[in-house]
Amino acid sequence: MPTTSQRIWSIPVLIILMIVAFCCQAARAAGDEPWIETDRRVYQGEDIRVHFYNAPGYSSDWICIAREGAPDTEAGDYKYMPAGVRQGVLNFRSPRPGRYEARAYYNYRAGGYIVSARSRFKVEHPGQRPSPDRGYHEPGPPPPGNRGQCIDQCRDDFEATLAGCREHSKPGYQRRCERKAKEEERRCIDWCNYR
């Protein structure tokens, strides 16, 4: 028969075990967030490899390549993921030069055109000297509550891109390069704020 002191100690131990279990479950759920990324940020005619992670594995999961800024309802070049596969790689042919997004649509039949994850990249003409495009990226899923570091990275990348604009751009194109860099910084910060 347990004594009174054993019963008193068992209640706090039980509470601590429940808290630890809850924290572990929350941490595991944060690590299970679906995300995708391309193997490069700038392509020059190579095939585009889109890596996907933590997909739900439905037969209606698919990834597409669409122009940046196109509505989420525009399917672009798309491929379905194999049913039951939670992570892997899909290969796409390189589109015409421009800025694009890889977009993941999970459980399409139930969810419709809701983008579950996206990754931005750029396609340039083959043989073109690579542009200073360090500020153009969308990092993998940042840790929860780390918005300040994400914004700092956007600003650091903006400064590096500005330096590249000044170093590599012709005088007539420098201002346009700087405007695009500022626009990319704004998009990056928006992404940090609304992720």
Protein backbone atom coordinates (compact mmCIF):
# COMPACT_ATOMS: atom_id res chain seq x y z
CA MET A 1 0.00 0.00 0.00
CA PRO A 2 1.51 3.33 -1.05
CA THR A 3 2.19 5.85 1.64
CA THR A 4 0.94 9.41 1.56
CA SER A 5 4.37 10.80 0.67
CA GLN A 6 4.60 8.48 -2.37
CA ARG A 7 1.21 9.69 -3.61
CA ILE A 8 2.23 13.34 -3.15
CA TRP A 9 5.44 12.82 -5.19
CA SER A 10 3.66 10.90 -7.94
CA ILE A 11 1.40 13.85 -8.86
CA PRO A 12 4.26 16.28 -9.71
CA VAL A 13 6.10 13.51 -11.57
CA LEU A 14 2.97 12.80 -13.60
CA ILE A 15 2.57 16.51 -14.41
CA ILE A 16 6.22 16.80 -15.46
CA LEU A 17 5.89 13.74 -17.71
CA MET A 18 2.79 15.23 -19.35
CA ILE A 19 4.62 18.53 -20.00
CA VAL A 20 7.65 16.75 -21.48
CA ALA A 21 5.40 14.65 -23.73
CA PHE A 22 3.55 17.75 -24.93
CA CYS A 23 6.81 19.63 -25.68
CA CYS A 24 8.26 16.68 -27.60
CA GLN A 25 5.08 16.38 -29.66
CA ALA A 26 5.10 20.13 -30.45
CA ALA A 27 8.77 20.03 -31.47
CA ARG A 28 8.16 17.03 -33.71
CA ALA A 29 5.17 18.76 -35.35
CA ALA A 30 7.28 21.88 -36.08
CA GLY A 31 9.89 19.69 -37.78
CA ASP A 32 7.21 18.04 -39.94
CA GLU A 33 6.30 21.24 -41.80
CA PRO A 34 6.22 20.55 -45.56
CA TRP A 35 8.78 22.40 -47.66
CA ILE A 36 10.43 22.28 -51.05
CA GLU A 37 13.63 23.68 -52.50
CA THR A 38 15.42 23.68 -55.82
CA ASP A 39 18.99 22.44 -56.02
CA ARG A 40 20.11 25.86 -57.34
CA ARG A 41 18.91 29.43 -57.17
CA VAL A 42 20.08 30.35 -60.69
CA TYR A 43 19.90 28.02 -63.72
CA GLN A 44 21.34 28.38 -67.21
CA GLY A 45 19.43 25.73 -69.16
CA GLU A 46 19.99 22.80 -66.78
CA ASP A 47 17.14 20.58 -65.61
CA ILE A 48 15.49 21.86 -62.46
CA ARG A 49 15.55 19.44 -59.56
CA VAL A 50 12.88 20.15 -56.94
CA HIS A 51 13.41 18.41 -53.62
CA PHE A 52 10.31 17.93 -51.48
CA TYR A 53 10.18 17.09 -47.79
CA ASN A 54 7.40 16.10 -45.36
CA ALA A 55 4.76 15.70 -48.07
CA PRO A 56 1.59 13.99 -46.85
CA GLY A 57 1.87 11.29 -49.52
CA TYR A 58 -1.58 11.60 -51.12
CA SER A 59 -2.02 10.50 -54.74
CA SER A 60 -3.21 14.06 -55.46
CA ASP A 61 0.05 15.77 -54.35
CA TRP A 62 1.84 17.64 -57.13
CA ILE A 63 4.54 20.22 -57.79
CA CYS A 64 4.60 22.77 -60.59
CA ILE A 65 6.94 25.35 -62.05
CA ALA A 66 5.19 28.68 -62.67
CA ARG A 67 6.33 32.22 -63.37
CA GLU A 68 6.85 34.26 -60.23
CA GLY A 69 3.82 36.44 -59.57
CA ALA A 70 1.46 34.19 -61.55
CA PRO A 71 -1.77 33.36 -59.71
CA ASP A 72 -1.68 30.23 -57.58
CA THR A 73 -4.36 28.77 -59.86
CA GLU A 74 -1.90 28.68 -62.78
CA ALA A 75 -0.59 25.11 -62.96
CA GLY A 76 2.38 25.75 -65.26
CA ASP A 77 4.60 22.72 -65.86
CA TYR A 78 3.46 20.15 -63.27
CA LYS A 79 4.18 16.62 -62.11
CA TYR A 80 2.43 14.43 -59.58
CA MET A 81 4.40 12.96 -56.70
CA PRO A 82 4.27 9.18 -56.27
CA ALA A 83 1.52 8.15 -53.83
CA GLY A 84 2.81 7.40 -50.34
CA VAL A 85 6.13 9.19 -50.88
CA ARG A 86 6.87 11.84 -48.26
CA GLN A 87 10.20 13.11 -49.61
CA GLY A 88 12.07 12.91 -52.87
CA VAL A 89 13.02 14.78 -56.05
CA LEU A 90 11.11 15.71 -59.21
CA ASN A 91 12.95 16.83 -62.35
CA PHE A 92 11.63 19.52 -64.70
CA ARG A 93 12.91 20.85 -68.00
CA SER A 94 14.30 24.35 -67.81
CA PRO A 95 11.81 27.03 -68.93
CA ARG A 96 12.65 30.25 -70.78
CA PRO A 97 14.79 32.81 -68.94
CA GLY A 98 12.95 34.62 -66.15
CA ARG A 99 12.00 34.33 -62.48
CA TYR A 100 10.00 31.30 -61.41
CA GLU A 101 8.59 29.46 -58.42
CA ALA A 102 8.35 25.78 -57.68
CA ARG A 103 5.01 25.31 -55.92
CA ALA A 104 3.74 22.30 -54.01
CA TYR A 105 0.02 21.54 -53.85
CA TYR A 106 -0.80 18.83 -51.31
CA ASN A 107 -4.08 16.89 -51.23
CA TYR A 108 -5.29 18.81 -54.29
CA ARG A 109 -8.74 17.18 -54.53
CA ALA A 110 -9.68 18.34 -51.03
CA GLY A 111 -7.67 21.57 -50.82
CA GLY A 112 -7.79 22.94 -54.35
CA TYR A 113 -5.19 25.48 -55.43
CA ILE A 114 -3.65 26.08 -52.02
CA VAL A 115 0.14 26.31 -52.15
CA SER A 116 1.61 24.26 -49.31
CA ALA A 117 5.24 25.21 -50.01
CA ARG A 118 7.18 27.23 -52.57
CA SER A 119 10.76 27.90 -53.64
CA ARG A 120 11.91 30.71 -55.93
CA PHE A 121 14.62 30.53 -58.57
CA LYS A 122 15.84 32.26 -61.70
CA VAL A 123 16.61 31.01 -65.23
CA GLU A 124 19.20 32.86 -67.32
CA HIS A 125 20.37 32.43 -70.90
CA PRO A 126 23.02 29.69 -71.24
CA GLY A 127 26.50 31.20 -71.26
CA GLN A 128 25.29 34.46 -69.71
CA ARG A 129 27.60 35.81 -67.05
CA PRO A 130 25.86 34.99 -63.76
CA SER A 131 24.14 38.03 -62.31
CA PRO A 132 24.75 39.13 -58.73
CA ASP A 133 21.61 37.53 -57.39
CA ARG A 134 22.51 36.56 -53.84
CA GLY A 135 19.47 38.37 -52.44
CA TYR A 136 17.06 36.26 -54.45
CA HIS A 137 16.22 33.25 -52.38
CA GLU A 138 13.66 31.79 -50.14
CA PRO A 139 15.35 29.73 -47.44
CA GLY A 140 14.05 26.42 -46.17
CA PRO A 141 11.62 26.51 -43.28
CA PRO A 142 13.07 28.76 -40.59
CA PRO A 143 12.80 27.74 -36.96
CA PRO A 144 9.60 28.96 -35.27
CA GLY A 145 9.90 32.44 -33.78
CA ASN A 146 13.08 33.31 -35.68
CA ARG A 147 11.64 36.15 -37.76
CA GLY A 148 14.32 38.67 -36.70
CA GLN A 149 17.16 36.54 -38.04
CA CYS A 150 15.23 35.94 -41.27
CA ILE A 151 14.79 39.70 -41.79
CA ASP A 152 18.46 40.34 -40.96
CA GLN A 153 19.43 37.80 -43.64
CA CYS A 154 17.18 39.59 -46.16
CA ARG A 155 18.90 42.89 -45.40
CA ASP A 156 22.38 41.36 -45.59
CA ASP A 157 21.54 39.80 -48.96
CA PHE A 158 20.18 43.16 -50.16
CA GLU A 159 23.46 44.88 -49.29
CA ALA A 160 25.44 42.16 -51.09
CA THR A 161 23.19 42.45 -54.15
CA LEU A 162 23.62 46.24 -54.20
CA ALA A 163 27.38 45.80 -54.17
CA GLY A 164 27.02 43.38 -57.09
CA CYS A 165 24.83 45.85 -58.98
CA ARG A 166 27.45 48.54 -58.62
CA GLU A 167 30.28 46.21 -59.59
CA HIS A 168 28.74 44.31 -62.53
CA SER A 169 26.08 46.58 -64.03
CA LYS A 170 26.57 49.05 -66.83
CA PRO A 171 25.89 52.62 -65.69
CA GLY A 172 22.51 52.77 -67.47
CA TYR A 173 21.32 49.50 -65.89
CA GLN A 174 22.62 50.07 -62.38
CA ARG A 175 19.52 51.92 -61.19
CA ARG A 176 17.22 49.19 -62.54
CA CYS A 177 19.36 46.53 -60.80
CA GLU A 178 19.11 48.47 -57.53
CA ARG A 179 15.31 48.80 -57.87
CA LYS A 180 15.00 45.05 -58.44
CA ALA A 181 17.24 44.40 -55.43
CA LYS A 182 15.00 46.61 -53.26
CA GLU A 183 11.91 44.78 -54.53
CA GLU A 184 13.51 41.43 -53.70
CA GLU A 185 14.37 42.65 -50.21
CA ARG A 186 10.73 43.69 -49.70
CA ARG A 187 9.48 40.28 -50.88
CA CYS A 188 11.98 38.49 -48.68
CA ILE A 189 10.91 40.51 -45.62
CA ASP A 190 7.24 39.89 -46.46
CA TRP A 191 8.02 36.18 -46.63
CA CYS A 192 9.66 36.37 -43.18
CA ASN A 193 6.68 38.22 -41.72
CA TYR A 194 3.94 36.04 -43.18
CA ARG A 195 5.55 32.57 -43.25
